[in-house]
Amino acid sequence: MSIVETQEHRDLRTAVAALGRRHGRAFDRETLWSEAGKLGYLGVNLPEEYGGGGGGLAELSIVLEELGAAGCPLLLMVVSPAICGTVIARFGTEEQKRAWLPGLADGSRTMAFGITEPDAGSNSHRITTTARKAADEDGGGWILNGRKVFVSGVDITDATLIVGRTEDARTGSLKPCLFIVPRDAQGFHRSQIDMELQAVEKQFELVLDDVRLPADALVGDEDAGLLQLFAGLNPERVMTAAFALGMGRYALDKAVDYAKTRQVWQQPIGAHQAIAHPLAQAHIEIELARLMMRKAAHLYDAGDDAGAGEAANMAKYAAGEACVRAVDQAVHTLGGNGLTREYGLASLITASRVARIAPVSREMILNYVSHQSLGLPKSY
């Protein structure tokens, strides 16, 4: 992997950054989503034969990072084209690809992702949402029951890709499988979670009460659910890193501009090392995290799922830490102004924590690295 971006990638960054500047922090989500879709940015990672750009995660992460750096990140990009689009493109049937990928690519259709449960988090081995096959005399298909929490944007998406578990007929054990659940499916109930976090995309708790689905709601092979699940989770981690890096860059740019112009005792405050050095450190940490994110995207696009898993977790960890520190230092640089609505940084104090918590906590990433990379024994 070259550490220097291609000219195509640089051109993409420039174009998306210009789009982001036109919309800015006061952006309207629907308007920006529609424009980004028409320009081909939302589906840049999806196959060309289904209306996508034919690129990969490297290109999609650039789009989200640059929009975030302009103050207008689209959180649903982490879910709709990155997780759901990738899973359907890799494992979906031809009918599912034709039905969903063109719309996911141009933004006219969207999909949420439901994995987290109240008592299981994202531990796929403890997921209690179950799917059982309906009897032929009852119409066949699947019946889903269970609960999900912290599912983003269910109210504005056409369907949700739900992670459930089916019984293996040979062993009797439960195995993860993915199902497309339409937003208006009977028995599919949602309730908004009251969050302190200020975000356009709201969080929901879902209850699936005997939700009946046709046989073709199952994505891919019933026996390959775990492989398909992790094919979506690695892009989720890379895109979360892109989301965090965009936010960190936005905050840092605000702080640097302020430090250059705010004068105390006849010189800009940025001339003082107590201000300059922490900002420089934040910049270094963001750049280091960007390198790991690009490595993870490159490995994933090259088909190295194992290598991408390690790099994606590291990228998400590094970007989350860099984002939190950049936002904290930006607010501190502005002092009281950092807490005003005028400068738009105070709300990022809460938002930046998301990258440390979701979709997997930094502690679980440290567990992954200690077990998978270092070979240390597990404590659980």
Protein backbone atom coordinates (compact mmCIF):
# COMPACT_ATOMS: atom_id res chain seq x y z
CA MET A 1 0.00 0.00 0.00
CA SER A 2 1.31 3.42 -0.94
CA ILE A 3 1.11 5.98 1.84
CA VAL A 4 0.62 8.64 -0.82
CA GLU A 5 -2.92 8.99 -2.12
CA THR A 6 -3.57 8.66 -5.82
CA GLN A 7 -4.51 11.66 -7.90
CA GLU A 8 -8.02 10.25 -8.18
CA HIS A 9 -8.34 10.16 -4.41
CA ARG A 10 -7.00 13.69 -4.08
CA ASP A 11 -9.49 14.87 -6.70
CA LEU A 12 -12.29 13.14 -4.82
CA ARG A 13 -11.27 14.84 -1.58
CA THR A 14 -11.24 18.22 -3.28
CA ALA A 15 -14.66 17.75 -4.87
CA VAL A 16 -16.34 16.45 -1.69
CA ALA A 17 -14.72 19.19 0.42
CA ALA A 18 -16.21 21.78 -1.93
CA LEU A 19 -19.64 20.17 -1.55
CA GLY A 20 -19.24 20.20 2.22
CA ARG A 21 -18.29 23.88 2.29
CA ARG A 22 -21.40 24.76 0.27
CA HIS A 23 -23.61 23.15 2.91
CA GLY A 24 -21.61 23.81 6.08
CA ARG A 25 -22.58 23.14 9.67
CA ALA A 26 -26.15 24.39 9.19
CA PHE A 27 -26.76 21.75 6.52
CA ASP A 28 -30.10 20.16 5.74
CA ARG A 29 -29.58 16.39 5.84
CA GLU A 30 -32.08 15.51 3.12
CA THR A 31 -30.75 18.12 0.72
CA LEU A 32 -27.13 17.15 1.24
CA TRP A 33 -27.91 13.43 1.07
CA SER A 34 -29.76 13.89 -2.20
CA GLU A 35 -27.03 15.98 -3.77
CA ALA A 36 -24.28 13.63 -2.63
CA GLY A 37 -26.24 10.74 -4.11
CA LYS A 38 -26.75 12.44 -7.46
CA LEU A 39 -23.05 13.22 -7.64
CA GLY A 40 -22.24 9.56 -7.08
CA TYR A 41 -20.56 9.98 -3.71
CA LEU A 42 -22.90 7.79 -1.64
CA GLY A 43 -22.42 4.76 -3.84
CA VAL A 44 -18.79 5.24 -4.76
CA ASN A 45 -17.99 1.87 -3.15
CA LEU A 46 -20.75 -0.15 -4.84
CA PRO A 47 -20.45 -2.15 -8.10
CA GLU A 48 -20.81 -0.20 -11.33
CA GLU A 49 -23.26 -2.73 -12.77
CA TYR A 50 -25.73 -1.72 -10.06
CA GLY A 51 -25.27 2.03 -10.34
CA GLY A 52 -22.29 2.45 -8.03
CA GLY A 53 -18.91 3.98 -8.64
CA GLY A 54 -17.00 0.71 -8.70
CA GLY A 55 -14.60 1.87 -5.99
CA GLY A 56 -14.24 0.63 -2.46
CA LEU A 57 -14.09 1.51 1.17
CA ALA A 58 -11.07 3.74 0.54
CA GLU A 59 -13.18 6.07 -1.58
CA LEU A 60 -16.28 5.97 0.64
CA SER A 61 -14.25 6.82 3.75
CA ILE A 62 -12.82 9.84 1.95
CA VAL A 63 -16.34 11.11 1.26
CA LEU A 64 -17.45 10.83 4.89
CA GLU A 65 -14.22 12.27 6.28
CA GLU A 66 -14.33 15.33 4.04
CA LEU A 67 -18.00 16.02 4.76
CA GLY A 68 -17.22 15.77 8.46
CA ALA A 69 -14.26 18.10 8.13
CA ALA A 70 -16.65 20.63 6.58
CA GLY A 71 -19.01 20.30 9.54
CA CYS A 72 -21.73 18.29 7.79
CA PRO A 73 -21.13 14.59 8.35
CA LEU A 74 -23.72 12.10 7.16
CA LEU A 75 -23.87 9.42 9.86
CA LEU A 76 -26.12 7.20 7.77
CA MET A 77 -23.21 6.69 5.36
CA VAL A 78 -21.67 4.41 7.98
CA VAL A 79 -24.74 2.19 7.76
CA SER A 80 -26.55 2.38 4.43
CA PRO A 81 -23.84 2.16 1.74
CA ALA A 82 -20.98 0.91 3.94
CA ILE A 83 -22.53 -1.90 5.99
CA CYS A 84 -25.74 -2.79 4.19
CA GLY A 85 -24.56 -2.00 0.68
CA THR A 86 -21.37 -3.98 1.17
CA VAL A 87 -23.14 -7.02 2.63
CA ILE A 88 -25.75 -7.10 -0.13
CA ALA A 89 -23.14 -6.55 -2.85
CA ARG A 90 -20.97 -9.40 -1.54
CA PHE A 91 -23.57 -11.92 -0.42
CA GLY A 92 -27.02 -10.91 -1.64
CA THR A 93 -28.98 -12.72 -4.31
CA GLU A 94 -29.22 -11.23 -7.77
CA GLU A 95 -32.76 -10.12 -6.98
CA GLN A 96 -31.64 -8.41 -3.76
CA LYS A 97 -28.82 -6.65 -5.58
CA ARG A 98 -31.14 -5.34 -8.28
CA ALA A 99 -33.74 -4.30 -5.72
CA TRP A 100 -31.43 -2.44 -3.35
CA LEU A 101 -28.02 -1.48 -4.71
CA PRO A 102 -29.07 1.13 -7.31
CA GLY A 103 -31.15 2.96 -4.69
CA LEU A 104 -28.43 2.73 -2.03
CA ALA A 105 -25.97 4.07 -4.60
CA ASP A 106 -27.95 7.16 -5.63
CA GLY A 107 -29.40 7.78 -2.17
CA SER A 108 -33.02 7.24 -3.16
CA ARG A 109 -33.21 4.21 -0.86
CA THR A 110 -31.63 3.79 2.55
CA MET A 111 -31.19 1.02 5.05
CA ALA A 112 -30.48 0.92 8.80
CA PHE A 113 -28.56 -1.79 10.66
CA GLY A 114 -29.74 -3.53 13.82
CA ILE A 115 -27.32 -5.67 15.81
CA THR A 116 -27.02 -4.21 19.34
CA GLU A 117 -29.28 -5.67 22.02
CA PRO A 118 -29.95 -4.58 25.63
CA ASP A 119 -28.18 -7.57 27.17
CA ALA A 120 -25.74 -8.53 24.43
CA GLY A 121 -24.28 -5.33 23.03
CA SER A 122 -22.68 -6.33 19.75
CA ASN A 123 -21.70 -9.82 20.98
CA SER A 124 -23.17 -11.91 18.18
CA HIS A 125 -22.94 -15.04 20.31
CA ARG A 126 -25.39 -13.64 22.86
CA ILE A 127 -27.92 -12.16 20.47
CA THR A 128 -31.41 -13.31 21.43
CA THR A 129 -33.32 -12.08 18.38
CA THR A 130 -34.38 -15.30 16.71
CA ALA A 131 -35.66 -16.24 13.28
CA ARG A 132 -37.55 -19.45 12.67
CA LYS A 133 -38.89 -20.86 9.47
CA ALA A 134 -42.65 -20.69 9.09
CA ALA A 135 -44.52 -23.81 8.10
CA ASP A 136 -45.40 -24.15 4.44
CA GLU A 137 -49.09 -24.26 5.28
CA ASP A 138 -48.64 -20.86 6.97
CA GLY A 139 -47.10 -19.35 3.87
CA GLY A 140 -43.48 -20.21 4.53
CA GLY A 141 -40.79 -17.60 5.00
CA TRP A 142 -39.42 -16.44 8.34
CA ILE A 143 -40.78 -15.23 11.69
CA LEU A 144 -38.57 -12.88 13.73
CA ASN A 145 -38.82 -12.05 17.42
CA GLY A 146 -36.51 -9.95 19.58
CA ARG A 147 -35.29 -6.49 20.58
CA LYS A 148 -32.62 -4.11 19.33
CA VAL A 149 -31.34 -0.83 20.78
CA PHE A 150 -29.36 2.16 19.50
CA VAL A 151 -30.37 1.65 15.90
CA SER A 152 -29.74 4.85 13.93
CA GLY A 153 -32.20 6.42 11.51
CA VAL A 154 -34.93 3.76 11.48
CA ASP A 155 -37.55 6.46 10.94
CA ILE A 156 -35.92 7.76 7.75
CA THR A 157 -34.79 4.49 6.16
CA ASP A 158 -36.74 2.12 3.95
CA ALA A 159 -35.67 -1.04 5.77
CA THR A 160 -33.39 -2.34 8.50
CA LEU A 161 -30.82 -5.09 8.10
CA ILE A 162 -31.48 -7.11 11.25
CA VAL A 163 -29.01 -9.55 12.78
CA GLY A 164 -30.91 -12.54 14.10
CA ARG A 165 -30.09 -16.14 14.92
CA THR A 166 -31.47 -19.27 13.34
CA GLU A 167 -31.27 -22.84 14.57
CA ASP A 168 -28.84 -25.15 12.81
CA ALA A 169 -30.84 -28.25 11.86
CA ARG A 170 -27.76 -30.45 12.25
CA THR A 171 -26.41 -29.25 15.60
CA GLY A 172 -29.33 -27.42 17.17
CA SER A 173 -27.06 -24.46 17.96
CA LEU A 174 -27.97 -20.93 16.99
CA LYS A 175 -26.09 -19.13 14.24
CA PRO A 176 -26.26 -15.47 13.13
CA CYS A 177 -28.14 -14.56 9.97
CA LEU A 178 -29.09 -11.27 8.31
CA PHE A 179 -32.61 -10.28 7.30
CA ILE A 180 -34.01 -7.28 5.44
CA VAL A 181 -37.00 -5.97 7.42
CA PRO A 182 -39.14 -3.29 5.72
CA ARG A 183 -39.91 -0.25 7.86
CA ASP A 184 -43.67 -0.86 7.68
CA ALA A 185 -43.55 -4.61 8.39
CA GLN A 186 -46.33 -5.76 10.70
CA GLY A 187 -45.01 -6.37 14.23
CA PHE A 188 -41.93 -4.18 13.65
CA HIS A 189 -42.19 -1.48 16.33
CA ARG A 190 -39.83 1.40 17.07
CA SER A 191 -39.53 3.92 19.88
CA GLN A 192 -37.09 6.82 19.93
CA ILE A 193 -34.44 6.85 22.64
CA ASP A 194 -34.11 10.20 24.39
CA MET A 195 -30.47 11.15 23.82
CA GLU A 196 -28.39 14.09 25.01
CA LEU A 197 -26.48 13.76 21.75
CA GLN A 198 -27.48 16.33 19.16
CA ALA A 199 -27.65 14.53 15.81
CA VAL A 200 -29.90 14.59 12.79
CA GLU A 201 -30.17 10.81 12.81
CA LYS A 202 -32.14 9.68 15.86
CA GLN A 203 -31.60 6.52 17.91
CA PHE A 204 -34.29 3.89 18.34
CA GLU A 205 -35.21 0.80 20.27
CA LEU A 206 -36.84 -1.87 18.11
CA VAL A 207 -39.23 -4.62 19.08
CA LEU A 208 -39.86 -7.45 16.63
CA ASP A 209 -43.07 -9.22 17.56
CA ASP A 210 -43.74 -12.16 15.24
CA VAL A 211 -42.50 -10.19 12.23
CA ARG A 212 -43.28 -12.31 9.18
CA LEU A 213 -40.88 -12.09 6.27
CA PRO A 214 -40.73 -13.83 2.90
CA ALA A 215 -38.04 -16.41 2.28
CA ASP A 216 -36.04 -13.95 0.18
CA ALA A 217 -35.64 -11.57 3.15
CA LEU A 218 -32.65 -13.68 4.20
CA VAL A 219 -29.44 -12.16 2.86
CA GLY A 220 -27.00 -14.66 1.41
CA ASP A 221 -26.37 -18.14 2.70
CA GLU A 222 -28.01 -19.25 5.93
CA ASP A 223 -24.84 -21.13 6.86
CA ALA A 224 -22.46 -18.23 6.23
CA GLY A 225 -24.06 -15.67 8.51
CA LEU A 226 -20.99 -15.05 10.68
CA LEU A 227 -18.81 -14.40 7.63
CA GLN A 228 -21.43 -12.05 6.23
CA LEU A 229 -21.81 -10.28 9.57
CA PHE A 230 -18.11 -9.50 9.88
CA ALA A 231 -18.03 -8.42 6.24
CA GLY A 232 -20.27 -5.57 7.40
CA LEU A 233 -18.60 -4.86 10.75
CA ASN A 234 -15.16 -4.12 9.31
CA PRO A 235 -16.52 -1.36 7.03
CA GLU A 236 -18.48 -0.03 10.03
CA ARG A 237 -15.25 0.40 11.99
CA VAL A 238 -13.42 2.06 9.09
CA MET A 239 -16.30 4.44 8.46
CA THR A 240 -16.59 5.26 12.17
CA ALA A 241 -12.92 6.18 12.00
CA ALA A 242 -13.65 8.44 9.01
CA PHE A 243 -16.54 10.03 10.91
CA ALA A 244 -14.29 10.68 13.92
CA LEU A 245 -11.43 12.05 11.84
CA GLY A 246 -13.71 14.46 10.03
CA MET A 247 -15.06 15.73 13.33
CA GLY A 248 -11.57 16.07 14.78
CA ARG A 249 -10.33 17.96 11.74
CA TYR A 250 -13.31 20.31 11.89
CA ALA A 251 -12.67 21.12 15.54
CA LEU A 252 -8.93 21.52 15.01
CA ASP A 253 -9.41 23.87 12.05
CA LYS A 254 -11.69 26.07 14.15
CA ALA A 255 -9.14 26.16 16.96
CA VAL A 256 -6.21 26.94 14.67
CA ASP A 257 -8.09 29.80 12.98
CA TYR A 258 -8.98 31.21 16.39
CA ALA A 259 -5.43 30.85 17.70
CA LYS A 260 -4.11 32.78 14.70
CA THR A 261 -6.44 35.74 15.14
CA ARG A 262 -7.24 35.98 18.86
CA GLN A 263 -4.76 38.44 20.38
CA VAL A 264 -3.77 38.84 24.02
CA TRP A 265 -0.84 41.09 25.00
CA GLN A 266 -0.25 42.24 21.44
CA GLN A 267 0.26 38.81 19.85
CA PRO A 268 -1.94 35.91 18.71
CA ILE A 269 -2.47 33.27 21.37
CA GLY A 270 -1.18 30.67 18.90
CA ALA A 271 2.30 32.09 19.42
CA HIS A 272 2.32 30.65 22.93
CA GLN A 273 3.57 27.07 23.15
CA ALA A 274 0.92 26.21 25.75
CA ILE A 275 -1.60 26.72 22.94
CA ALA A 276 0.51 25.73 19.92
CA HIS A 277 1.94 22.44 21.16
CA PRO A 278 -1.36 20.74 22.13
CA LEU A 279 -2.83 21.73 18.75
CA ALA A 280 0.24 20.36 16.99
CA GLN A 281 -0.06 17.13 18.97
CA ALA A 282 -3.73 16.82 18.02
CA HIS A 283 -2.82 17.28 14.35
CA ILE A 284 -0.15 14.56 14.57
CA GLU A 285 -2.55 12.10 16.19
CA ILE A 286 -5.20 12.75 13.54
CA GLU A 287 -2.69 12.17 10.75
CA LEU A 288 -1.48 8.92 12.32
CA ALA A 289 -5.04 7.66 12.66
CA ARG A 290 -5.73 8.57 9.02
CA LEU A 291 -2.83 6.38 7.92
CA MET A 292 -4.23 3.39 9.81
CA MET A 293 -7.69 4.04 8.41
CA ARG A 294 -6.32 4.07 4.88
CA LYS A 295 -4.45 0.82 5.57
CA ALA A 296 -7.64 -0.80 6.84
CA ALA A 297 -9.63 0.35 3.82
CA HIS A 298 -6.90 -0.85 1.46
CA LEU A 299 -6.79 -4.31 3.05
CA TYR A 300 -10.55 -4.63 2.98
CA ASP A 301 -10.79 -3.57 -0.65
CA ALA A 302 -8.02 -6.07 -1.48
CA GLY A 303 -10.10 -8.89 0.01
CA ASP A 304 -7.93 -9.46 3.09
CA ASP A 305 -10.70 -9.76 5.66
CA ALA A 306 -8.41 -10.98 8.45
CA GLY A 307 -5.87 -8.21 7.97
CA ALA A 308 -8.63 -5.67 7.57
CA GLY A 309 -10.21 -6.78 10.84
CA GLU A 310 -7.10 -5.96 12.84
CA ALA A 311 -6.42 -2.70 11.00
CA ALA A 312 -10.07 -1.57 11.14
CA ASN A 313 -10.18 -2.03 14.90
CA MET A 314 -6.91 -0.16 15.33
CA ALA A 315 -8.08 2.62 13.04
CA LYS A 316 -11.34 3.03 14.92
CA TYR A 317 -9.48 3.11 18.25
CA ALA A 318 -6.87 5.62 17.08
CA ALA A 319 -9.41 7.88 15.38
CA GLY A 320 -11.71 7.89 18.39
CA GLU A 321 -8.91 8.88 20.74
CA ALA A 322 -7.59 11.52 18.35
CA CYS A 323 -11.06 12.97 17.86
CA VAL A 324 -11.81 13.31 21.58
CA ARG A 325 -8.48 14.99 22.26
CA ALA A 326 -8.80 17.33 19.26
CA VAL A 327 -12.28 18.45 20.30
CA ASP A 328 -11.23 18.90 23.92
CA GLN A 329 -8.21 20.99 22.94
CA ALA A 330 -10.24 23.04 20.46
CA VAL A 331 -12.80 23.95 23.13
CA HIS A 332 -10.01 24.73 25.58
CA THR A 333 -8.25 26.96 23.02
CA LEU A 334 -11.38 29.06 22.55
CA GLY A 335 -12.05 29.27 26.26
CA GLY A 336 -15.55 30.56 26.96
CA ASN A 337 -16.16 30.99 23.24
CA GLY A 338 -15.69 27.26 22.86
CA LEU A 339 -18.95 26.72 24.73
CA THR A 340 -21.03 29.13 22.65
CA ARG A 341 -23.34 28.17 19.81
CA GLU A 342 -21.62 30.71 17.58
CA TYR A 343 -18.48 28.62 17.23
CA GLY A 344 -20.22 25.24 17.03
CA LEU A 345 -17.77 23.27 19.16
CA ALA A 346 -19.62 22.62 22.41
CA SER A 347 -21.97 20.04 20.88
CA LEU A 348 -18.94 18.09 19.67
CA ILE A 349 -17.91 17.37 23.26
CA THR A 350 -20.72 14.83 23.48
CA ALA A 351 -20.57 13.76 19.82
CA SER A 352 -16.86 12.99 19.96
CA ARG A 353 -17.44 10.41 22.69
CA VAL A 354 -19.46 8.32 20.25
CA ALA A 355 -16.30 7.27 18.44
CA ARG A 356 -14.95 5.84 21.70
CA ILE A 357 -18.15 3.97 22.50
CA ALA A 358 -19.75 2.88 19.24
CA PRO A 359 -19.95 0.58 17.41
CA VAL A 360 -17.54 -1.15 19.77
CA SER A 361 -15.87 0.26 22.87
CA ARG A 362 -12.17 0.99 22.99
CA GLU A 363 -11.83 -1.64 25.74
CA MET A 364 -13.21 -4.34 23.44
CA ILE A 365 -10.77 -3.23 20.76
CA LEU A 366 -7.94 -3.57 23.25
CA ASN A 367 -9.25 -7.07 24.01
CA TYR A 368 -9.22 -7.86 20.29
CA VAL A 369 -5.66 -6.62 19.81
CA SER A 370 -4.35 -8.34 22.93
CA HIS A 371 -5.92 -11.67 21.90
CA GLN A 372 -5.68 -11.62 18.11
CA SER A 373 -2.53 -9.56 17.51
CA LEU A 374 -0.47 -10.34 20.59
CA GLY A 375 -1.72 -13.84 21.32
CA LEU A 376 -2.42 -13.15 24.98
CA PRO A 377 -4.92 -15.39 26.81
CA LYS A 378 -8.54 -14.34 27.22
CA SER A 379 -10.10 -13.40 30.52
CA TYR A 380 -13.56 -14.37 29.29
